PDB file of all heavy atoms in Angstrom:
ATOM      1  N   TYR A   1       1.684  -7.965   4.319  1.00  0.00           N
ATOM      2  CA  TYR A   1       1.968  -9.237   3.671  1.00  0.00           C
ATOM      3  C   TYR A   1       1.737  -9.184   2.179  1.00  0.00           C
ATOM      4  O   TYR A   1       0.793  -8.614   1.715  1.00  0.00           O
ATOM      5  CB  TYR A   1       1.126 -10.341   4.297  1.00  0.00           C
ATOM      6  CG  TYR A   1       1.397 -10.620   5.797  1.00  0.00           C
ATOM      7  CD1 TYR A   1       0.999  -9.861   6.749  1.00  0.00           C
ATOM      8  CD2 TYR A   1       2.132 -11.846   6.041  1.00  0.00           C
ATOM      9  CE1 TYR A   1       1.343 -10.195   8.147  1.00  0.00           C
ATOM     10  CE2 TYR A   1       2.373 -12.161   7.351  1.00  0.00           C
ATOM     11  CZ  TYR A   1       2.025 -11.344   8.324  1.00  0.00           C
ATOM     12  OH  TYR A   1       2.287 -11.629   9.741  1.00  0.00           O
ATOM     13  N   ALA A   2       2.594  -9.941   1.458  1.00  0.00           N
ATOM     14  CA  ALA A   2       2.168 -10.194   0.134  1.00  0.00           C
ATOM     15  C   ALA A   2       1.215 -11.286   0.167  1.00  0.00           C
ATOM     16  O   ALA A   2       1.340 -12.300   0.949  1.00  0.00           O
ATOM     17  CB  ALA A   2       3.425 -10.666  -0.742  1.00  0.00           C
ATOM     18  N   ILE A   3       0.102 -11.262  -0.702  1.00  0.00           N
ATOM     19  CA  ILE A   3      -1.029 -12.181  -0.788  1.00  0.00           C
ATOM     20  C   ILE A   3      -1.045 -12.832  -2.200  1.00  0.00           C
ATOM     21  O   ILE A   3      -1.149 -12.143  -3.146  1.00  0.00           O
ATOM     22  CB  ILE A   3      -2.299 -11.504  -0.334  1.00  0.00           C
ATOM     23  CG1 ILE A   3      -2.223 -10.851   1.005  1.00  0.00           C
ATOM     24  CG2 ILE A   3      -3.433 -12.468  -0.482  1.00  0.00           C
ATOM     25  CD1 ILE A   3      -1.995 -11.807   2.191  1.00  0.00           C
ATOM     26  N   GLY A   4      -1.163 -14.102  -2.167  1.00  0.00           N
ATOM     27  CA  GLY A   4      -1.354 -14.839  -3.367  1.00  0.00           C
ATOM     28  C   GLY A   4      -2.712 -15.556  -3.384  1.00  0.00           C
ATOM     29  O   GLY A   4      -3.208 -16.046  -2.345  1.00  0.00           O
ATOM     30  N   TRP A   5      -3.322 -15.608  -4.490  1.00  0.00           N
ATOM     31  CA  TRP A   5      -4.527 -16.425  -4.772  1.00  0.00           C
ATOM     32  C   TRP A   5      -4.111 -17.597  -5.597  1.00  0.00           C
ATOM     33  O   TRP A   5      -3.471 -17.403  -6.624  1.00  0.00           O
ATOM     34  CB  TRP A   5      -5.591 -15.551  -5.416  1.00  0.00           C
ATOM     35  CG  TRP A   5      -6.375 -14.699  -4.445  1.00  0.00           C
ATOM     36  CD1 TRP A   5      -6.132 -13.372  -4.270  1.00  0.00           C
ATOM     37  CD2 TRP A   5      -7.413 -15.076  -3.625  1.00  0.00           C
ATOM     38  NE1 TRP A   5      -7.023 -12.831  -3.329  1.00  0.00           N
ATOM     39  CE2 TRP A   5      -7.860 -13.840  -2.976  1.00  0.00           C
ATOM     40  CE3 TRP A   5      -8.119 -16.245  -3.368  1.00  0.00           C
ATOM     41  CZ2 TRP A   5      -8.889 -13.964  -2.035  1.00  0.00           C
ATOM     42  CZ3 TRP A   5      -9.199 -16.183  -2.537  1.00  0.00           C
ATOM     43  CH2 TRP A   5      -9.562 -15.093  -1.811  1.00  0.00           C
ATOM     44  N   PHE A   6      -4.595 -18.782  -5.139  1.00  0.00           N
ATOM     45  CA  PHE A   6      -4.325 -19.984  -5.928  1.00  0.00           C
ATOM     46  C   PHE A   6      -5.649 -20.751  -6.149  1.00  0.00           C
ATOM     47  O   PHE A   6      -6.576 -20.487  -5.433  1.00  0.00           O
ATOM     48  CB  PHE A   6      -3.351 -20.945  -5.079  1.00  0.00           C
ATOM     49  CG  PHE A   6      -2.030 -20.344  -4.820  1.00  0.00           C
ATOM     50  CD1 PHE A   6      -1.790 -19.425  -3.863  1.00  0.00           C
ATOM     51  CD2 PHE A   6      -0.932 -20.832  -5.668  1.00  0.00           C
ATOM     52  CE1 PHE A   6      -0.563 -18.931  -3.595  1.00  0.00           C
ATOM     53  CE2 PHE A   6       0.394 -20.239  -5.334  1.00  0.00           C
ATOM     54  CZ  PHE A   6       0.548 -19.298  -4.376  1.00  0.00           C
ATOM     55  N   ARG A   7      -5.651 -21.659  -7.085  1.00  0.00           N
ATOM     56  CA  ARG A   7      -6.899 -22.411  -7.312  1.00  0.00           C
ATOM     57  C   ARG A   7      -6.416 -23.919  -7.709  1.00  0.00           C
ATOM     58  O   ARG A   7      -5.410 -24.025  -8.237  1.00  0.00           O
ATOM     59  CB  ARG A   7      -7.816 -21.743  -8.397  1.00  0.00           C
ATOM     60  CG  ARG A   7      -7.190 -21.831  -9.768  1.00  0.00           C
ATOM     61  CD  ARG A   7      -8.156 -21.168 -10.736  1.00  0.00           C
ATOM     62  NE  ARG A   7      -7.571 -21.090 -12.087  1.00  0.00           N
ATOM     63  CZ  ARG A   7      -8.039 -20.302 -13.068  1.00  0.00           C
ATOM     64  NH1 ARG A   7      -9.078 -19.539 -12.864  1.00  0.00           N
ATOM     65  NH2 ARG A   7      -7.546 -20.333 -14.198  1.00  0.00           N
ATOM     66  N   GLN A   8      -7.431 -24.755  -7.390  1.00  0.00           N
ATOM     67  CA  GLN A   8      -7.217 -26.219  -7.741  1.00  0.00           C
ATOM     68  C   GLN A   8      -8.476 -26.700  -8.198  1.00  0.00           C
ATOM     69  O   GLN A   8      -9.440 -26.725  -7.551  1.00  0.00           O
ATOM     70  CB  GLN A   8      -6.650 -26.950  -6.536  1.00  0.00           C
ATOM     71  CG  GLN A   8      -6.225 -28.322  -6.796  1.00  0.00           C
ATOM     72  CD  GLN A   8      -5.494 -29.000  -5.753  1.00  0.00           C
ATOM     73  OE1 GLN A   8      -5.636 -28.597  -4.582  1.00  0.00           O
ATOM     74  NE2 GLN A   8      -4.587 -29.993  -6.080  1.00  0.00           N
ATOM     75  N   ALA A   9      -8.396 -27.294  -9.392  1.00  0.00           N
ATOM     76  CA  ALA A   9      -9.574 -28.033 -10.093  1.00  0.00           C
ATOM     77  C   ALA A   9      -9.347 -29.457  -9.772  1.00  0.00           C
ATOM     78  O   ALA A   9      -8.241 -30.012  -9.591  1.00  0.00           O
ATOM     79  CB  ALA A   9      -9.643 -27.760 -11.515  1.00  0.00           C
ATOM     80  N   PRO A  10     -10.479 -30.263  -9.777  1.00  0.00           N
ATOM     81  CA  PRO A  10     -10.367 -31.629  -9.613  1.00  0.00           C
ATOM     82  C   PRO A  10      -9.449 -32.396 -10.554  1.00  0.00           C
ATOM     83  O   PRO A  10      -9.508 -32.132 -11.756  1.00  0.00           O
ATOM     84  CB  PRO A  10     -11.829 -32.214  -9.680  1.00  0.00           C
ATOM     85  CG  PRO A  10     -12.688 -30.974  -9.425  1.00  0.00           C
ATOM     86  CD  PRO A  10     -11.938 -29.790  -9.886  1.00  0.00           C
ATOM     87  N   GLY A  11      -8.493 -33.176  -9.973  1.00  0.00           N
ATOM     88  CA  GLY A  11      -7.565 -33.856 -10.883  1.00  0.00           C
ATOM     89  C   GLY A  11      -6.414 -33.078 -11.354  1.00  0.00           C
ATOM     90  O   GLY A  11      -5.610 -33.529 -12.206  1.00  0.00           O
ATOM     91  N   LYS A  12      -6.258 -31.732 -10.987  1.00  0.00           N
ATOM     92  CA  LYS A  12      -5.184 -30.900 -11.473  1.00  0.00           C
ATOM     93  C   LYS A  12      -4.387 -30.306 -10.287  1.00  0.00           C
ATOM     94  O   LYS A  12      -4.933 -30.429  -9.184  1.00  0.00           O
ATOM     95  CB  LYS A  12      -5.944 -29.752 -12.261  1.00  0.00           C
ATOM     96  CG  LYS A  12      -6.653 -30.132 -13.558  1.00  0.00           C
ATOM     97  CD  LYS A  12      -7.105 -29.036 -14.276  1.00  0.00           C
ATOM     98  CE  LYS A  12      -7.845 -29.313 -15.545  1.00  0.00           C
ATOM     99  NZ  LYS A  12      -8.346 -28.229 -16.206  1.00  0.00           N
ATOM    100  N   VAL A  13      -3.236 -29.951 -10.533  1.00  0.00           N
ATOM    101  CA  VAL A  13      -2.398 -29.344  -9.595  1.00  0.00           C
ATOM    102  C   VAL A  13      -2.806 -28.035  -9.199  1.00  0.00           C
ATOM    103  O   VAL A  13      -3.502 -27.298 -10.006  1.00  0.00           O
ATOM    104  CB  VAL A  13      -0.961 -29.316 -10.077  1.00  0.00           C
ATOM    105  CG1 VAL A  13      -0.411 -30.738 -10.347  1.00  0.00           C
ATOM    106  CG2 VAL A  13      -0.754 -28.461 -11.248  1.00  0.00           C
ATOM    107  N   ARG A  14      -2.543 -27.521  -8.076  1.00  0.00           N
ATOM    108  CA  ARG A  14      -2.873 -26.135  -7.539  1.00  0.00           C
ATOM    109  C   ARG A  14      -2.010 -25.232  -8.392  1.00  0.00           C
ATOM    110  O   ARG A  14      -0.722 -25.393  -8.536  1.00  0.00           O
ATOM    111  CB  ARG A  14      -2.652 -26.014  -6.110  1.00  0.00           C
ATOM    112  CG  ARG A  14      -3.180 -24.663  -5.498  1.00  0.00           C
ATOM    113  CD  ARG A  14      -3.511 -24.805  -4.083  1.00  0.00           C
ATOM    114  NE  ARG A  14      -2.410 -25.253  -3.239  1.00  0.00           N
ATOM    115  CZ  ARG A  14      -2.518 -25.516  -1.967  1.00  0.00           C
ATOM    116  NH1 ARG A  14      -3.698 -25.443  -1.356  1.00  0.00           N
ATOM    117  NH2 ARG A  14      -1.413 -25.907  -1.318  1.00  0.00           N
ATOM    118  N   GLU A  15      -2.532 -24.162  -8.854  1.00  0.00           N
ATOM    119  CA  GLU A  15      -1.839 -23.150  -9.605  1.00  0.00           C
ATOM    120  C   GLU A  15      -2.024 -21.777  -9.032  1.00  0.00           C
ATOM    121  O   GLU A  15      -3.118 -21.470  -8.500  1.00  0.00           O
ATOM    122  CB  GLU A  15      -2.275 -23.234 -11.102  1.00  0.00           C
ATOM    123  CG  GLU A  15      -3.650 -22.813 -11.297  1.00  0.00           C
ATOM    124  CD  GLU A  15      -4.203 -22.678 -12.721  1.00  0.00           C
ATOM    125  OE1 GLU A  15      -3.308 -22.579 -13.648  1.00  0.00           O
ATOM    126  OE2 GLU A  15      -5.403 -22.586 -13.032  1.00  0.00           O
ATOM    127  N   ALA A  16      -1.077 -20.926  -9.190  1.00  0.00           N
ATOM    128  CA  ALA A  16      -1.191 -19.480  -8.824  1.00  0.00           C
ATOM    129  C   ALA A  16      -2.037 -18.764  -9.843  1.00  0.00           C
ATOM    130  O   ALA A  16      -2.017 -18.922 -11.031  1.00  0.00           O
ATOM    131  CB  ALA A  16       0.198 -18.852  -8.706  1.00  0.00           C
ATOM    132  N   VAL A  17      -2.911 -17.849  -9.341  1.00  0.00           N
ATOM    133  CA  VAL A  17      -3.831 -17.141 -10.131  1.00  0.00           C
ATOM    134  C   VAL A  17      -3.465 -15.625 -10.075  1.00  0.00           C
ATOM    135  O   VAL A  17      -3.317 -15.095 -11.186  1.00  0.00           O
ATOM    136  CB  VAL A  17      -5.239 -17.251  -9.637  1.00  0.00           C
ATOM    137  CG1 VAL A  17      -6.210 -16.415 -10.446  1.00  0.00           C
ATOM    138  CG2 VAL A  17      -5.770 -18.759  -9.735  1.00  0.00           C
ATOM    139  N   ALA A  18      -3.258 -15.097  -8.945  1.00  0.00           N
ATOM    140  CA  ALA A  18      -2.939 -13.646  -8.828  1.00  0.00           C
ATOM    141  C   ALA A  18      -2.092 -13.430  -7.554  1.00  0.00           C
ATOM    142  O   ALA A  18      -2.168 -14.269  -6.551  1.00  0.00           O
ATOM    143  CB  ALA A  18      -4.154 -12.884  -8.879  1.00  0.00           C
ATOM    144  N   CYS A  19      -1.498 -12.307  -7.572  1.00  0.00           N
ATOM    145  CA  CYS A  19      -0.605 -11.999  -6.362  1.00  0.00           C
ATOM    146  C   CYS A  19      -0.547 -10.480  -6.240  1.00  0.00           C
ATOM    147  O   CYS A  19      -0.520  -9.786  -7.200  1.00  0.00           O
ATOM    148  CB  CYS A  19       0.787 -12.593  -6.520  1.00  0.00           C
ATOM    149  SG  CYS A  19       1.998 -12.381  -5.145  1.00  0.00           S
ATOM    150  N   ILE A  20      -0.489  -9.987  -5.030  1.00  0.00           N
ATOM    151  CA  ILE A  20      -0.330  -8.642  -4.730  1.00  0.00           C
ATOM    152  C   ILE A  20       0.833  -8.436  -3.706  1.00  0.00           C
ATOM    153  O   ILE A  20       0.767  -9.119  -2.627  1.00  0.00           O
ATOM    154  CB  ILE A  20      -1.640  -7.895  -4.304  1.00  0.00           C
ATOM    155  CG1 ILE A  20      -1.326  -6.399  -4.193  1.00  0.00           C
ATOM    156  CG2 ILE A  20      -2.188  -8.493  -3.052  1.00  0.00           C
ATOM    157  CD1 ILE A  20      -2.741  -5.589  -4.018  1.00  0.00           C
ATOM    158  N   SER A  21       1.756  -7.547  -3.946  1.00  0.00           N
ATOM    159  CA  SER A  21       2.899  -7.381  -2.989  1.00  0.00           C
ATOM    160  C   SER A  21       2.367  -6.617  -1.831  1.00  0.00           C
ATOM    161  O   SER A  21       1.271  -5.927  -1.796  1.00  0.00           O
ATOM    162  CB  SER A  21       4.079  -6.665  -3.706  1.00  0.00           C
ATOM    163  OG  SER A  21       4.476  -7.408  -4.763  1.00  0.00           O
ATOM    164  N   SER A  22       3.148  -6.559  -0.720  1.00  0.00           N
ATOM    165  CA  SER A  22       2.832  -5.800   0.457  1.00  0.00           C
ATOM    166  C   SER A  22       2.656  -4.368   0.097  1.00  0.00           C
ATOM    167  O   SER A  22       3.322  -3.811  -0.857  1.00  0.00           O
ATOM    168  CB  SER A  22       3.856  -6.015   1.563  1.00  0.00           C
ATOM    169  OG  SER A  22       5.061  -5.480   1.129  1.00  0.00           O
ATOM    170  N   LYS A  23       1.818  -3.646   0.853  1.00  0.00           N
ATOM    171  CA  LYS A  23       1.585  -2.266   0.585  1.00  0.00           C
ATOM    172  C   LYS A  23       1.094  -1.974  -0.732  1.00  0.00           C
ATOM    173  O   LYS A  23       1.267  -0.854  -1.327  1.00  0.00           O
ATOM    174  CB  LYS A  23       2.809  -1.412   1.013  1.00  0.00           C
ATOM    175  CG  LYS A  23       3.291  -1.467   2.302  1.00  0.00           C
ATOM    176  CD  LYS A  23       2.379  -0.820   3.338  1.00  0.00           C
ATOM    177  CE  LYS A  23       2.940  -0.834   4.707  1.00  0.00           C
ATOM    178  NZ  LYS A  23       2.050  -0.173   5.615  1.00  0.00           N
ATOM    179  N   SER A  24       0.271  -2.791  -1.320  1.00  0.00           N
ATOM    180  CA  SER A  24      -0.316  -2.714  -2.671  1.00  0.00           C
ATOM    181  C   SER A  24       0.767  -2.430  -3.668  1.00  0.00           C
ATOM    182  O   SER A  24       0.624  -1.490  -4.623  1.00  0.00           O
ATOM    183  CB  SER A  24      -1.447  -1.665  -2.628  1.00  0.00           C
ATOM    184  OG  SER A  24      -2.519  -2.046  -1.844  1.00  0.00           O
ATOM    185  N   GLY A  25       1.813  -3.139  -3.702  1.00  0.00           N
ATOM    186  CA  GLY A  25       2.832  -2.949  -4.618  1.00  0.00           C
ATOM    187  C   GLY A  25       2.564  -3.748  -5.904  1.00  0.00           C
ATOM    188  O   GLY A  25       1.396  -3.809  -6.315  1.00  0.00           O
ATOM    189  N   THR A  26       3.556  -4.357  -6.393  1.00  0.00           N
ATOM    190  CA  THR A  26       3.457  -5.115  -7.676  1.00  0.00           C
ATOM    191  C   THR A  26       2.412  -6.078  -7.647  1.00  0.00           C
ATOM    192  O   THR A  26       2.263  -6.828  -6.662  1.00  0.00           O
ATOM    193  CB  THR A  26       4.842  -5.766  -8.024  1.00  0.00           C
ATOM    194  OG1 THR A  26       5.901  -4.834  -7.985  1.00  0.00           O
ATOM    195  CG2 THR A  26       4.676  -6.373  -9.392  1.00  0.00           C
ATOM    196  N   ARG A  27       1.633  -6.172  -8.745  1.00  0.00           N
ATOM    197  CA  ARG A  27       0.576  -7.250  -8.979  1.00  0.00           C
ATOM    198  C   ARG A  27       1.079  -8.097 -10.133  1.00  0.00           C
ATOM    199  O   ARG A  27       1.797  -7.748 -10.983  1.00  0.00           O
ATOM    200  CB  ARG A  27      -0.743  -6.574  -9.300  1.00  0.00           C
ATOM    201  CG  ARG A  27      -1.304  -5.787  -8.154  1.00  0.00           C
ATOM    202  CD  ARG A  27      -2.372  -4.775  -8.616  1.00  0.00           C
ATOM    203  NE  ARG A  27      -3.177  -4.213  -7.572  1.00  0.00           N
ATOM    204  CZ  ARG A  27      -2.832  -3.249  -6.802  1.00  0.00           C
ATOM    205  NH1 ARG A  27      -1.638  -2.640  -6.866  1.00  0.00           N
ATOM    206  NH2 ARG A  27      -3.712  -2.799  -5.831  1.00  0.00           N
ATOM    207  N   ALA A  28       0.600  -9.373  -9.940  1.00  0.00           N
ATOM    208  CA  ALA A  28       0.942 -10.306 -11.039  1.00  0.00           C
ATOM    209  C   ALA A  28      -0.310 -11.222 -11.201  1.00  0.00           C
ATOM    210  O   ALA A  28      -1.092 -11.484 -10.296  1.00  0.00           O
ATOM    211  CB  ALA A  28       2.058 -11.256 -10.668  1.00  0.00           C
ATOM    212  N   PHE A  29      -0.525 -11.664 -12.433  1.00  0.00           N
ATOM    213  CA  PHE A  29      -1.583 -12.533 -12.865  1.00  0.00           C
ATOM    214  C   PHE A  29      -1.115 -13.657 -13.757  1.00  0.00           C
ATOM    215  O   PHE A  29      -0.270 -13.349 -14.621  1.00  0.00           O
ATOM    216  CB  PHE A  29      -2.744 -11.745 -13.533  1.00  0.00           C
ATOM    217  CG  PHE A  29      -3.285 -10.685 -12.680  1.00  0.00           C
ATOM    218  CD1 PHE A  29      -2.874  -9.420 -12.727  1.00  0.00           C
ATOM    219  CD2 PHE A  29      -4.402 -10.932 -11.834  1.00  0.00           C
ATOM    220  CE1 PHE A  29      -3.445  -8.469 -11.943  1.00  0.00           C
ATOM    221  CE2 PHE A  29      -4.982 -10.058 -11.094  1.00  0.00           C
ATOM    222  CZ  PHE A  29      -4.424  -8.655 -11.135  1.00  0.00           C
ATOM    223  N   THR A  30      -1.716 -14.809 -13.663  1.00  0.00           N
ATOM    224  CA  THR A  30      -1.463 -15.821 -14.605  1.00  0.00           C
ATOM    225  C   THR A  30      -2.152 -15.366 -16.006  1.00  0.00           C
ATOM    226  O   THR A  30      -3.153 -14.696 -16.025  1.00  0.00           O
ATOM    227  CB  THR A  30      -1.807 -17.197 -14.195  1.00  0.00           C
ATOM    228  OG1 THR A  30      -1.373 -18.214 -15.062  1.00  0.00           O
ATOM    229  CG2 THR A  30      -3.350 -17.282 -14.138  1.00  0.00           C
ATOM    230  N   ASP A  31      -1.577 -15.873 -17.054  1.00  0.00           N
ATOM    231  CA  ASP A  31      -2.041 -15.461 -18.402  1.00  0.00           C
ATOM    232  C   ASP A  31      -3.479 -15.731 -18.636  1.00  0.00           C
ATOM    233  O   ASP A  31      -4.206 -14.901 -19.268  1.00  0.00           O
ATOM    234  CB  ASP A  31      -1.297 -16.154 -19.523  1.00  0.00           C
ATOM    235  CG  ASP A  31       0.189 -15.553 -19.708  1.00  0.00           C
ATOM    236  OD1 ASP A  31       0.484 -14.465 -19.109  1.00  0.00           O
ATOM    237  OD2 ASP A  31       0.983 -16.243 -20.320  1.00  0.00           O
ATOM    238  N   SER A  32      -4.033 -16.841 -18.060  1.00  0.00           N
ATOM    239  CA  SER A  32      -5.434 -17.244 -18.310  1.00  0.00           C
ATOM    240  C   SER A  32      -6.521 -16.295 -17.728  1.00  0.00           C
ATOM    241  O   SER A  32      -7.645 -16.358 -18.141  1.00  0.00           O
ATOM    242  CB  SER A  32      -5.658 -18.658 -17.884  1.00  0.00           C
ATOM    243  OG  SER A  32      -5.525 -18.714 -16.478  1.00  0.00           O
ATOM    244  N   VAL A  33      -6.062 -15.457 -16.744  1.00  0.00           N
ATOM    245  CA  VAL A  33      -6.912 -14.553 -16.068  1.00  0.00           C
ATOM    246  C   VAL A  33      -6.675 -13.107 -16.258  1.00  0.00           C
ATOM    247  O   VAL A  33      -7.488 -12.283 -15.891  1.00  0.00           O
ATOM    248  CB  VAL A  33      -7.093 -14.870 -14.524  1.00  0.00           C
ATOM    249  CG1 VAL A  33      -7.360 -16.352 -14.292  1.00  0.00           C
ATOM    250  CG2 VAL A  33      -5.828 -14.422 -13.874  1.00  0.00           C
ATOM    251  N   ARG A  34      -5.486 -12.808 -16.775  1.00  0.00           N
ATOM    252  CA  ARG A  34      -5.098 -11.396 -17.045  1.00  0.00           C
ATOM    253  C   ARG A  34      -6.248 -10.716 -17.819  1.00  0.00           C
ATOM    254  O   ARG A  34      -6.609 -11.173 -18.971  1.00  0.00           O
ATOM    255  CB  ARG A  34      -3.848 -11.368 -17.604  1.00  0.00           C
ATOM    256  CG  ARG A  34      -3.222  -9.873 -17.689  1.00  0.00           C
ATOM    257  CD  ARG A  34      -1.765  -9.860 -18.158  1.00  0.00           C
ATOM    258  NE  ARG A  34      -0.838 -10.517 -17.260  1.00  0.00           N
ATOM    259  CZ  ARG A  34      -0.243 -11.666 -17.530  1.00  0.00           C
ATOM    260  NH1 ARG A  34      -0.428 -12.260 -18.664  1.00  0.00           N
ATOM    261  NH2 ARG A  34       0.563 -12.322 -16.598  1.00  0.00           N
ATOM    262  N   GLY A  35      -6.600  -9.513 -17.362  1.00  0.00           N
ATOM    263  CA  GLY A  35      -7.707  -8.759 -18.091  1.00  0.00           C
ATOM    264  C   GLY A  35      -9.076  -9.069 -17.549  1.00  0.00           C
ATOM    265  O   GLY A  35      -9.928  -8.315 -17.734  1.00  0.00           O
ATOM    266  N   ARG A  36      -9.229 -10.190 -16.870  1.00  0.00           N
ATOM    267  CA  ARG A  36     -10.528 -10.537 -16.293  1.00  0.00           C
ATOM    268  C   ARG A  36     -10.624 -10.479 -14.753  1.00  0.00           C
ATOM    269  O   ARG A  36     -11.576 -10.178 -14.141  1.00  0.00           O
ATOM    270  CB  ARG A  36     -10.883 -11.934 -16.695  1.00  0.00           C
ATOM    271  CG  ARG A  36     -11.036 -12.150 -18.235  1.00  0.00           C
ATOM    272  CD  ARG A  36     -11.578 -13.558 -18.588  1.00  0.00           C
ATOM    273  NE  ARG A  36     -10.658 -14.563 -18.164  1.00  0.00           N
ATOM    274  CZ  ARG A  36     -11.027 -15.552 -17.257  1.00  0.00           C
ATOM    275  NH1 ARG A  36     -12.248 -15.553 -16.741  1.00  0.00           N
ATOM    276  NH2 ARG A  36     -10.084 -16.509 -16.976  1.00  0.00           N
TER     277      ARG A  36
END
């Protein structure tokens, strides 16, 4: 399975944080967390 991580702060919409494709394929990060 591809797995996504999302987060939601109080009063804010849920946003995607990170994602990994099946079989440890392509990874993606939102700009605010990239590198951390």
